[in-house]
């Protein structure tokens, strides 16, 4: 169903969707952790999640549109300029930025060291920051929960296969506790309609 956000597409489509191309990223900050349920409660006053016993787990059932409201309130409260990361910023950070060792997953070539996914998660979300961080000291960029980006999902410039696809979706990156290992790779891309709320959709902040 809708909740199974797994690319599962034909190999050639996946290769095209992820084709390497040069990008330029300006200076930015990105959060060490995914936004937690405690963070959401602090800003919005409510917990949208039924499992209220894990306040330090990532908040979920959050649409891209919901996040815009959270960001507006957080920025007012803290006099900040928080926003969602772009897809390019997200991947640059997940790869370890200028300290990148070109790992398959964010911080390791061994998925279980850095990611909660179908093999080790027991089918549930985990508290943020329990596994190894990546080269920049950022946690859970592979696995645990899909993270919304600000960017609309479009084929990369080098992608000759997916050109005609009409995307009305915002980019999701990172994969979740319920996904197979392919979906927690740093390069894996996904997207969903910005109004969607699923138990696998969360986010981290940038500025």
Protein backbone atom coordinates (compact mmCIF):
# COMPACT_ATOMS: atom_id res chain seq x y z
CA UNK A 1 0.00 0.00 0.00
CA UNK A 2 0.87 3.67 0.25
CA UNK A 3 2.96 3.08 3.31
CA UNK A 4 5.43 0.81 1.57
CA UNK A 5 7.65 3.59 0.27
CA UNK A 6 10.22 1.41 -1.42
CA UNK A 7 11.57 2.16 -4.88
CA UNK A 8 11.38 -1.48 -6.01
CA UNK A 9 11.68 -0.22 -9.59
CA UNK A 10 13.47 -1.97 -12.42
CA UNK A 11 17.25 -1.85 -12.10
CA UNK A 12 17.72 0.34 -15.21
CA UNK A 13 15.16 2.86 -13.94
CA UNK A 14 16.89 3.03 -10.58
CA UNK A 15 20.31 3.51 -12.18
CA UNK A 16 18.92 6.33 -14.34
CA UNK A 17 17.13 7.94 -11.39
CA UNK A 18 20.41 8.06 -9.45
CA UNK A 19 22.83 8.90 -12.28
CA UNK A 20 25.88 10.86 -11.05
CA UNK A 21 26.03 14.55 -11.97
CA UNK A 22 27.91 17.58 -10.62
CA UNK A 23 26.19 19.86 -8.12
CA UNK A 24 27.15 23.00 -6.23
CA UNK A 25 26.04 23.37 -2.63
CA UNK A 26 26.30 26.66 -0.74
CA UNK A 27 27.11 26.75 2.96
CA UNK A 28 24.28 25.44 5.12
CA UNK A 29 23.61 23.85 8.49
CA UNK A 30 21.75 20.58 8.93
CA UNK A 31 20.46 19.01 12.14
CA UNK A 32 22.41 16.24 13.82
CA UNK A 33 19.13 14.39 14.54
CA UNK A 34 15.72 13.89 12.97
CA UNK A 35 12.99 16.08 14.53
CA UNK A 36 11.57 14.13 17.46
CA UNK A 37 8.08 13.86 18.86
CA UNK A 38 9.28 15.93 21.85
CA UNK A 39 10.44 18.67 19.45
CA UNK A 40 7.07 18.63 17.69
CA UNK A 41 5.16 18.84 20.99
CA UNK A 42 7.30 21.78 22.09
CA UNK A 43 6.39 23.80 18.97
CA UNK A 44 2.91 22.54 18.06
CA UNK A 45 1.56 21.57 21.49
CA UNK A 46 0.35 18.15 20.36
CA UNK A 47 1.84 14.76 19.52
CA UNK A 48 0.47 13.52 16.18
CA UNK A 49 1.74 10.01 16.95
CA UNK A 50 -0.24 7.31 18.68
CA UNK A 51 2.86 5.78 20.29
CA UNK A 52 3.37 8.42 22.93
CA UNK A 53 5.95 6.35 24.79
CA UNK A 54 8.81 7.30 22.50
CA UNK A 55 9.17 11.08 22.64
CA UNK A 56 12.81 10.86 21.46
CA UNK A 57 11.81 8.86 18.38
CA UNK A 58 11.35 10.79 15.13
CA UNK A 59 7.96 12.41 14.72
CA UNK A 60 5.94 10.73 11.93
CA UNK A 61 2.55 11.01 10.20
CA UNK A 62 3.78 14.48 9.19
CA UNK A 63 3.05 15.84 5.73
CA UNK A 64 5.34 18.25 3.90
CA UNK A 65 2.58 20.83 4.34
CA UNK A 66 2.41 20.21 8.13
CA UNK A 67 6.16 20.82 8.31
CA UNK A 68 5.82 24.28 6.80
CA UNK A 69 3.57 25.25 9.71
CA UNK A 70 6.01 23.75 12.24
CA UNK A 71 8.90 25.68 10.67
CA UNK A 72 7.00 28.96 10.73
CA UNK A 73 6.17 28.54 14.43
CA UNK A 74 9.69 27.37 15.35
CA UNK A 75 11.28 30.31 13.52
CA UNK A 76 9.02 32.77 15.31
CA UNK A 77 9.63 31.15 18.70
CA UNK A 78 13.43 30.94 18.39
CA UNK A 79 14.04 33.82 15.96
CA UNK A 80 15.64 31.34 13.57
CA UNK A 81 15.66 30.59 9.85
CA UNK A 82 14.93 26.87 9.90
CA UNK A 83 13.77 25.17 6.70
CA UNK A 84 13.82 21.76 5.07
CA UNK A 85 17.08 20.82 3.35
CA UNK A 86 17.13 20.66 -0.44
CA UNK A 87 17.70 17.22 -1.93
CA UNK A 88 21.26 18.26 -2.86
CA UNK A 89 22.03 19.48 0.66
CA UNK A 90 20.57 16.33 2.16
CA UNK A 91 22.70 14.03 0.02
CA UNK A 92 25.85 16.13 0.47
CA UNK A 93 25.41 15.88 4.26
CA UNK A 94 24.49 12.18 4.16
CA UNK A 95 27.63 11.44 2.15
CA UNK A 96 29.75 13.13 4.81
CA UNK A 97 30.26 16.44 2.99
CA UNK A 98 33.90 17.29 2.35
CA UNK A 99 34.93 14.50 4.76
CA UNK A 100 33.11 11.88 2.67
CA UNK A 101 34.58 8.39 2.48
CA UNK A 102 32.06 7.47 -0.23
CA UNK A 103 30.19 4.96 1.88
CA UNK A 104 27.10 3.19 0.50
CA UNK A 105 25.10 4.11 3.63
CA UNK A 106 25.46 7.31 5.61
CA UNK A 107 28.60 6.69 7.66
CA UNK A 108 29.39 3.08 6.76
CA UNK A 109 29.44 0.34 4.13
CA UNK A 110 27.78 -1.91 6.73
CA UNK A 111 24.12 -0.93 6.95
CA UNK A 112 23.55 -2.32 10.45
CA UNK A 113 26.18 0.06 11.89
CA UNK A 114 24.29 3.20 10.87
CA UNK A 115 20.72 2.36 9.82
CA UNK A 116 17.52 0.98 11.31
CA UNK A 117 15.92 -0.97 8.46
CA UNK A 118 13.93 -4.17 7.95
CA UNK A 119 16.76 -6.47 9.03
CA UNK A 120 17.51 -4.97 12.45
CA UNK A 121 14.62 -2.65 13.41
CA UNK A 122 12.07 -5.29 14.53
CA UNK A 123 9.59 -3.24 12.51
CA UNK A 124 9.63 -0.19 14.75
CA UNK A 125 11.07 3.31 14.95
CA UNK A 126 14.02 3.86 17.23
CA UNK A 127 15.19 6.72 19.43
CA UNK A 128 17.36 9.09 17.39
CA UNK A 129 21.15 8.89 17.69
CA UNK A 130 21.58 5.28 18.85
CA UNK A 131 23.72 4.05 15.96
CA UNK A 132 27.04 5.33 14.60
CA UNK A 133 27.06 8.89 13.17
CA UNK A 134 28.45 9.62 9.72
CA UNK A 135 31.69 11.47 8.89
CA UNK A 136 30.11 14.80 9.91
CA UNK A 137 28.65 13.51 13.19
CA UNK A 138 25.09 13.31 11.81
CA UNK A 139 22.84 10.43 12.90
CA UNK A 140 20.18 8.29 11.20
CA UNK A 141 20.48 9.69 7.68
CA UNK A 142 20.16 6.10 6.52
CA UNK A 143 17.06 4.33 7.83
CA UNK A 144 14.72 4.99 10.78
CA UNK A 145 12.36 7.35 8.90
CA UNK A 146 12.03 8.86 5.42
CA UNK A 147 13.03 12.52 5.55
CA UNK A 148 11.16 15.14 3.53
CA UNK A 149 13.28 17.57 1.49
CA UNK A 150 12.16 20.95 0.20
CA UNK A 151 12.74 19.91 -3.42
CA UNK A 152 10.13 18.74 -5.95
CA UNK A 153 11.17 15.34 -7.30
CA UNK A 154 12.40 15.65 -10.86
CA UNK A 155 14.67 13.49 -13.00
CA UNK A 156 18.35 14.41 -12.71
CA UNK A 157 19.79 16.20 -15.78
CA UNK A 158 21.68 13.02 -16.75
CA UNK A 159 18.57 10.82 -16.56
CA UNK A 160 17.45 9.84 -20.08
CA UNK A 161 14.87 7.25 -19.00
CA UNK A 162 12.50 9.09 -16.67
CA UNK A 163 12.23 12.33 -18.68
CA UNK A 164 8.49 12.13 -19.34
CA UNK A 165 7.42 11.43 -15.78
CA UNK A 166 5.21 14.10 -14.29
CA UNK A 167 6.10 14.37 -10.61
CA UNK A 168 3.77 16.13 -8.22
CA UNK A 169 5.83 14.94 -5.30
CA UNK A 170 8.39 16.26 -2.85
CA UNK A 171 11.63 14.37 -2.40
CA UNK A 172 12.06 11.81 0.38
CA UNK A 173 15.49 10.56 1.34
CA UNK A 174 17.05 8.04 3.71
CA UNK A 175 14.69 5.07 3.85
CA UNK A 176 12.91 3.73 6.94
CA UNK A 177 12.84 1.08 9.64
CA UNK A 178 10.54 -0.95 7.38
CA UNK A 179 12.55 -0.85 4.15
CA UNK A 180 14.97 -3.32 2.66
CA UNK A 181 18.62 -2.40 2.54
CA UNK A 182 18.50 -0.91 -1.00
CA UNK A 183 16.30 1.92 0.26
CA UNK A 184 18.68 3.07 2.99
CA UNK A 185 21.49 3.73 0.52
CA UNK A 186 22.64 7.35 0.41
CA UNK A 187 21.80 7.56 -3.30
CA UNK A 188 18.28 6.22 -3.09
CA UNK A 189 15.58 8.74 -4.04
CA UNK A 190 11.88 8.71 -3.42
CA UNK A 191 8.98 11.12 -3.44
CA UNK A 192 5.45 11.52 -2.17
CA UNK A 193 2.61 13.99 -2.57
CA UNK A 194 3.25 16.87 -0.13
CA UNK A 195 -0.13 16.34 1.59
CA UNK A 196 0.61 12.70 2.51
CA UNK A 197 0.87 11.62 6.13
CA UNK A 198 2.34 8.14 6.66
CA UNK A 199 3.88 6.37 9.61
CA UNK A 200 7.13 6.33 7.63
CA UNK A 201 7.42 10.07 6.88
CA UNK A 202 9.40 12.49 9.08
CA UNK A 203 12.10 15.14 8.65
CA UNK A 204 15.19 16.96 9.89
CA UNK A 205 15.80 20.70 9.78
CA UNK A 206 18.36 22.75 7.91
CA UNK A 207 19.13 26.45 7.82
